């Protein structure tokens, strides 16, 4: 089950105000949108989200060094313009940088990585998972801090044509919906989670949640299957409430009140 361990930020993209603050619901890494969030606010994957509309972007204010990281987000894309950007930093060919782009030649997601001068990766995946349909899709990008990159699309670990390339880190802030080089996304973004670790396949599956998504703050499910469950209160006036849906009591349940 995915947790907040090594989480850097969580943008729920619920902001709808006459200011440019994109609230970090986990830490203090608030982002900045290129216009008041009231201009971006729209129906998202869960409640509200941001419509980038080929016009707006979100600057996280945070650079990504050379260490391990993972970024998870939900997005839509109309499949029209090529090289629309989901996220990225730096300038291609002139600094260390990574970009996640949309390619209308195959309606897929593409990863580009630079090491500070020459291109290291320019790769899409072999699976037939297309995303240019204006529906919400889930993306997770991972990097192990060494040379290995990974990508999940709609909960599936896709096979990148090239997934090995050095990235020494960048002083440029990571942006969502835009990079310093490529065009702004013509689509929506929602539920952005950034970790300083590589998410496991189980973490990704939990975030994807069979296409329903899992939203911050994460709920925790606890399943107890005892043969006998006894609840005891120390005060006669205490209330004991059992809340569950569904509630299956196949075994004995007793409540002891003094």
Protein backbone atom coordinates (compact mmCIF):
# COMPACT_ATOMS: atom_id res chain seq x y z
CA UNK A 1 0.00 0.00 0.00
CA UNK A 2 1.42 3.36 -0.97
CA UNK A 3 2.40 5.65 1.91
CA UNK A 4 3.82 9.15 2.33
CA UNK A 5 7.32 7.80 3.00
CA UNK A 6 9.82 10.11 1.24
CA UNK A 7 7.00 12.15 -0.29
CA UNK A 8 8.17 15.58 -1.49
CA UNK A 9 4.83 17.15 -2.37
CA UNK A 10 1.17 16.46 -3.08
CA UNK A 11 -0.79 18.78 -5.36
CA UNK A 12 -4.48 17.88 -5.24
CA UNK A 13 -5.17 20.59 -7.85
CA UNK A 14 -8.29 21.73 -6.01
CA UNK A 15 -7.26 25.42 -5.91
CA UNK A 16 -9.79 27.91 -7.25
CA UNK A 17 -8.79 31.41 -6.18
CA UNK A 18 -7.73 34.86 -7.35
CA UNK A 19 -4.09 33.97 -6.80
CA UNK A 20 -1.49 31.68 -8.32
CA UNK A 21 -0.78 29.42 -5.34
CA UNK A 22 -0.96 25.67 -6.00
CA UNK A 23 -1.29 24.16 -2.55
CA UNK A 24 1.02 21.40 -1.40
CA UNK A 25 -1.25 19.33 0.85
CA UNK A 26 1.64 17.31 2.29
CA UNK A 27 4.60 19.61 2.87
CA UNK A 28 5.48 23.24 2.20
CA UNK A 29 6.41 23.03 -1.49
CA UNK A 30 3.54 25.12 -2.83
CA UNK A 31 3.67 25.58 -6.58
CA UNK A 32 2.92 28.63 -8.69
CA UNK A 33 0.56 28.62 -11.64
CA UNK A 34 1.07 30.99 -14.57
CA UNK A 35 -2.38 32.51 -13.97
CA UNK A 36 -4.84 32.67 -11.08
CA UNK A 37 -5.99 29.17 -10.24
CA UNK A 38 -9.57 30.29 -10.84
CA UNK A 39 -8.65 30.34 -14.53
CA UNK A 40 -7.33 26.77 -14.40
CA UNK A 41 -9.98 25.21 -12.18
CA UNK A 42 -12.11 22.55 -13.86
CA UNK A 43 -13.57 19.10 -13.27
CA UNK A 44 -10.71 16.74 -12.44
CA UNK A 45 -10.17 13.06 -11.94
CA UNK A 46 -11.35 13.53 -8.40
CA UNK A 47 -13.41 16.63 -7.65
CA UNK A 48 -11.51 19.57 -9.19
CA UNK A 49 -8.43 19.60 -11.41
CA UNK A 50 -6.49 22.00 -13.63
CA UNK A 51 -7.16 22.70 -17.31
CA UNK A 52 -3.83 23.63 -18.91
CA UNK A 53 -5.54 24.46 -22.25
CA UNK A 54 -2.25 24.89 -24.08
CA UNK A 55 -1.83 28.11 -22.09
CA UNK A 56 -1.14 27.52 -18.40
CA UNK A 57 1.64 25.82 -16.46
CA UNK A 58 2.57 24.97 -12.87
CA UNK A 59 6.06 25.72 -11.55
CA UNK A 60 6.78 23.50 -8.56
CA UNK A 61 9.60 25.78 -7.39
CA UNK A 62 11.59 22.60 -6.76
CA UNK A 63 14.55 21.31 -8.73
CA UNK A 64 15.21 17.61 -9.17
CA UNK A 65 18.76 16.62 -8.29
CA UNK A 66 20.44 13.43 -9.39
CA UNK A 67 18.85 11.23 -6.75
CA UNK A 68 16.05 8.70 -7.03
CA UNK A 69 12.53 10.02 -7.53
CA UNK A 70 9.04 9.15 -8.75
CA UNK A 71 6.26 11.41 -9.99
CA UNK A 72 2.65 10.27 -10.27
CA UNK A 73 -0.16 12.25 -11.92
CA UNK A 74 -3.46 11.96 -13.78
CA UNK A 75 -3.88 13.72 -17.12
CA UNK A 76 -6.00 14.11 -20.23
CA UNK A 77 -4.80 15.00 -23.73
CA UNK A 78 -6.71 15.68 -26.93
CA UNK A 79 -4.23 13.83 -29.16
CA UNK A 80 -3.87 16.75 -31.57
CA UNK A 81 -0.62 18.68 -31.08
CA UNK A 82 2.66 16.79 -30.90
CA UNK A 83 5.24 17.34 -28.15
CA UNK A 84 2.68 18.56 -25.61
CA UNK A 85 4.44 18.47 -22.23
CA UNK A 86 3.23 16.66 -19.12
CA UNK A 87 6.27 17.64 -17.05
CA UNK A 88 9.89 18.60 -17.45
CA UNK A 89 12.77 20.88 -16.55
CA UNK A 90 15.84 22.55 -18.05
CA UNK A 91 16.63 23.06 -21.70
CA UNK A 92 17.14 20.13 -24.04
CA UNK A 93 20.69 19.87 -25.27
CA UNK A 94 22.09 22.58 -22.98
CA UNK A 95 21.66 21.14 -19.49
CA UNK A 96 20.70 18.01 -17.59
CA UNK A 97 16.98 17.62 -18.07
CA UNK A 98 14.08 15.20 -18.37
CA UNK A 99 10.78 15.63 -20.19
CA UNK A 100 7.60 13.59 -20.49
CA UNK A 101 5.85 14.46 -23.74
CA UNK A 102 2.82 13.49 -25.79
CA UNK A 103 3.35 12.36 -29.38
CA UNK A 104 0.44 12.54 -31.82
CA UNK A 105 2.26 10.24 -34.22
CA UNK A 106 1.24 7.29 -32.04
CA UNK A 107 -0.94 8.80 -29.25
CA UNK A 108 1.59 7.66 -26.66
CA UNK A 109 3.76 9.11 -23.91
CA UNK A 110 7.45 9.70 -24.64
CA UNK A 111 10.40 10.11 -22.26
CA UNK A 112 13.36 12.32 -23.16
CA UNK A 113 16.45 12.59 -20.94
CA UNK A 114 19.59 14.71 -21.39
CA UNK A 115 22.84 14.48 -19.45
CA UNK A 116 23.82 18.10 -19.98
CA UNK A 117 24.72 18.13 -23.63
CA UNK A 118 23.83 15.02 -25.55
CA UNK A 119 20.57 13.14 -25.63
CA UNK A 120 20.56 10.00 -23.51
CA UNK A 121 17.01 8.75 -24.01
CA UNK A 122 14.30 9.52 -26.52
CA UNK A 123 11.94 6.66 -26.06
CA UNK A 124 8.32 5.60 -26.12
CA UNK A 125 6.89 2.19 -25.20
CA UNK A 126 5.93 -0.90 -27.15
CA UNK A 127 2.57 -1.59 -25.47
CA UNK A 128 -0.56 -0.51 -27.33
CA UNK A 129 -1.75 1.89 -24.61
CA UNK A 130 -2.89 5.09 -26.29
CA UNK A 131 -3.77 8.26 -24.39
CA UNK A 132 -4.91 10.92 -26.88
CA UNK A 133 -8.62 10.49 -26.26
CA UNK A 134 -9.45 13.31 -23.80
CA UNK A 135 -10.03 10.72 -21.06
CA UNK A 136 -8.08 10.63 -17.80
CA UNK A 137 -4.98 8.42 -17.77
CA UNK A 138 -2.49 7.70 -15.01
CA UNK A 139 1.26 8.19 -15.42
CA UNK A 140 4.12 7.34 -13.08
CA UNK A 141 7.73 8.18 -13.95
CA UNK A 142 10.56 6.66 -11.88
CA UNK A 143 14.33 7.10 -11.77
CA UNK A 144 16.68 5.06 -9.57
CA UNK A 145 19.30 7.78 -9.12
CA UNK A 146 21.79 5.92 -11.28
CA UNK A 147 20.87 5.28 -14.91
CA UNK A 148 17.56 3.42 -14.97
CA UNK A 149 14.21 5.01 -15.77
CA UNK A 150 10.79 3.44 -15.59
CA UNK A 151 7.28 4.36 -16.65
CA UNK A 152 3.80 3.13 -15.81
CA UNK A 153 0.76 4.06 -17.89
CA UNK A 154 -2.66 3.23 -16.50
CA UNK A 155 -1.14 0.92 -13.92
CA UNK A 156 0.94 -1.04 -16.44
CA UNK A 157 4.74 -1.06 -16.34
CA UNK A 158 5.43 -0.19 -19.97
CA UNK A 159 8.48 -1.33 -21.92
CA UNK A 160 10.51 1.71 -22.95
CA UNK A 161 12.56 1.24 -26.10
CA UNK A 162 15.42 2.80 -24.12
CA UNK A 163 15.31 3.14 -20.34
CA UNK A 164 18.99 3.65 -19.48
CA UNK A 165 20.51 7.11 -19.47
CA UNK A 166 22.49 9.22 -17.04
CA UNK A 167 20.99 12.30 -15.44
CA UNK A 168 23.16 14.23 -13.05
CA UNK A 169 20.39 16.44 -11.79
CA UNK A 170 19.26 19.92 -12.76
CA UNK A 171 19.08 23.32 -11.08
CA UNK A 172 15.94 24.12 -13.10
CA UNK A 173 12.57 23.75 -11.43
CA UNK A 174 10.29 20.92 -12.47
CA UNK A 175 7.16 22.21 -14.18
CA UNK A 176 3.87 20.45 -14.84
CA UNK A 177 2.04 20.97 -18.10
CA UNK A 178 5.11 22.71 -19.45
CA UNK A 179 8.89 22.48 -19.69
CA UNK A 180 11.44 25.10 -20.65
CA UNK A 181 11.59 23.67 -24.16
CA UNK A 182 8.37 22.05 -25.34
CA UNK A 183 4.77 23.28 -25.77
CA UNK A 184 2.18 23.45 -22.98
CA UNK A 185 -0.20 20.54 -22.53
CA UNK A 186 -3.59 20.94 -24.17
CA UNK A 187 -5.44 18.94 -21.54
CA UNK A 188 -5.97 18.50 -17.81
CA UNK A 189 -3.75 17.57 -14.88
CA UNK A 190 -4.80 16.31 -11.47
CA UNK A 191 -3.44 14.61 -8.31
CA UNK A 192 0.33 15.20 -8.62
CA UNK A 193 2.48 13.23 -6.14
CA UNK A 194 6.28 13.50 -6.04
CA UNK A 195 8.49 11.11 -4.08
CA UNK A 196 12.22 10.94 -3.36
CA UNK A 197 12.22 7.21 -3.97
CA UNK A 198 11.30 4.69 -6.63
CA UNK A 199 7.70 3.65 -6.23
CA UNK A 200 7.19 -0.10 -6.33
CA UNK A 201 4.79 -1.78 -8.71
CA UNK A 202 2.52 -2.31 -5.71
CA UNK A 203 2.61 1.40 -4.92
CA UNK A 204 1.68 2.22 -8.50
CA UNK A 205 -1.12 -0.31 -8.53
CA UNK A 206 -2.48 1.20 -5.33
CA UNK A 207 -2.37 4.73 -6.77
CA UNK A 208 -4.02 3.60 -10.01
CA UNK A 209 -6.63 1.67 -8.02
CA UNK A 210 -8.13 -0.13 -11.03
CA UNK A 211 -8.63 3.19 -12.79
CA UNK A 212 -10.46 4.90 -9.93
CA UNK A 213 -7.36 6.56 -8.52
CA UNK A 214 -6.35 7.05 -4.93
CA UNK A 215 -6.31 10.54 -3.59
CA UNK A 216 -4.46 12.39 -0.88
CA UNK A 217 -4.65 12.12 2.06
CA UNK A 218 -4.49 8.38 1.56
CA UNK A 219 -6.97 6.28 3.49
CA UNK A 220 -5.84 3.16 5.29
CA UNK A 221 -7.94 0.00 5.18
CA UNK A 222 -7.65 -2.38 8.12
CA UNK A 223 -9.12 -5.86 7.91
CA UNK A 224 -9.54 -7.92 11.08
CA UNK A 225 -10.74 -11.51 10.92
CA UNK A 226 -10.82 -12.80 14.51
CA UNK A 227 -12.67 -15.84 15.73
CA UNK A 228 -13.95 -13.77 18.64
CA UNK A 229 -13.94 -9.96 18.86
CA UNK A 230 -14.34 -8.40 22.32
CA UNK A 231 -14.61 -4.62 22.81
CA UNK A 232 -14.22 -3.36 26.37
CA UNK A 233 -14.81 0.15 27.72
CA UNK A 234 -13.59 1.39 31.08
CA UNK A 235 -16.46 3.79 31.70
CA UNK A 236 -20.19 2.89 31.89
CA UNK A 237 -21.17 5.93 29.79
CA UNK A 238 -18.67 5.36 26.97
CA UNK A 239 -20.07 4.78 23.50
CA UNK A 240 -18.71 2.05 21.29
CA UNK A 241 -19.39 2.41 17.57
CA UNK A 242 -18.49 -0.08 14.87
CA UNK A 243 -18.47 1.54 11.46
CA UNK A 244 -17.85 -0.57 8.39
CA UNK A 245 -19.21 -1.05 4.91
CA UNK A 246 -19.85 -3.82 4.33
CA UNK A 247 -19.86 -5.32 7.82
CA UNK A 248 -19.68 -9.09 7.85
CA UNK A 249 -19.82 -10.71 11.28
CA UNK A 250 -19.40 -14.38 10.68
CA UNK A 251 -18.01 -15.01 14.14
CA UNK A 252 -19.04 -14.17 17.66
CA UNK A 253 -19.04 -10.46 18.60
CA UNK A 254 -19.32 -9.40 22.22
CA UNK A 255 -19.24 -5.96 23.83
CA UNK A 256 -18.39 -5.78 27.53
CA UNK A 257 -19.51 -2.70 29.44
CA UNK A 258 -18.86 -2.48 33.20
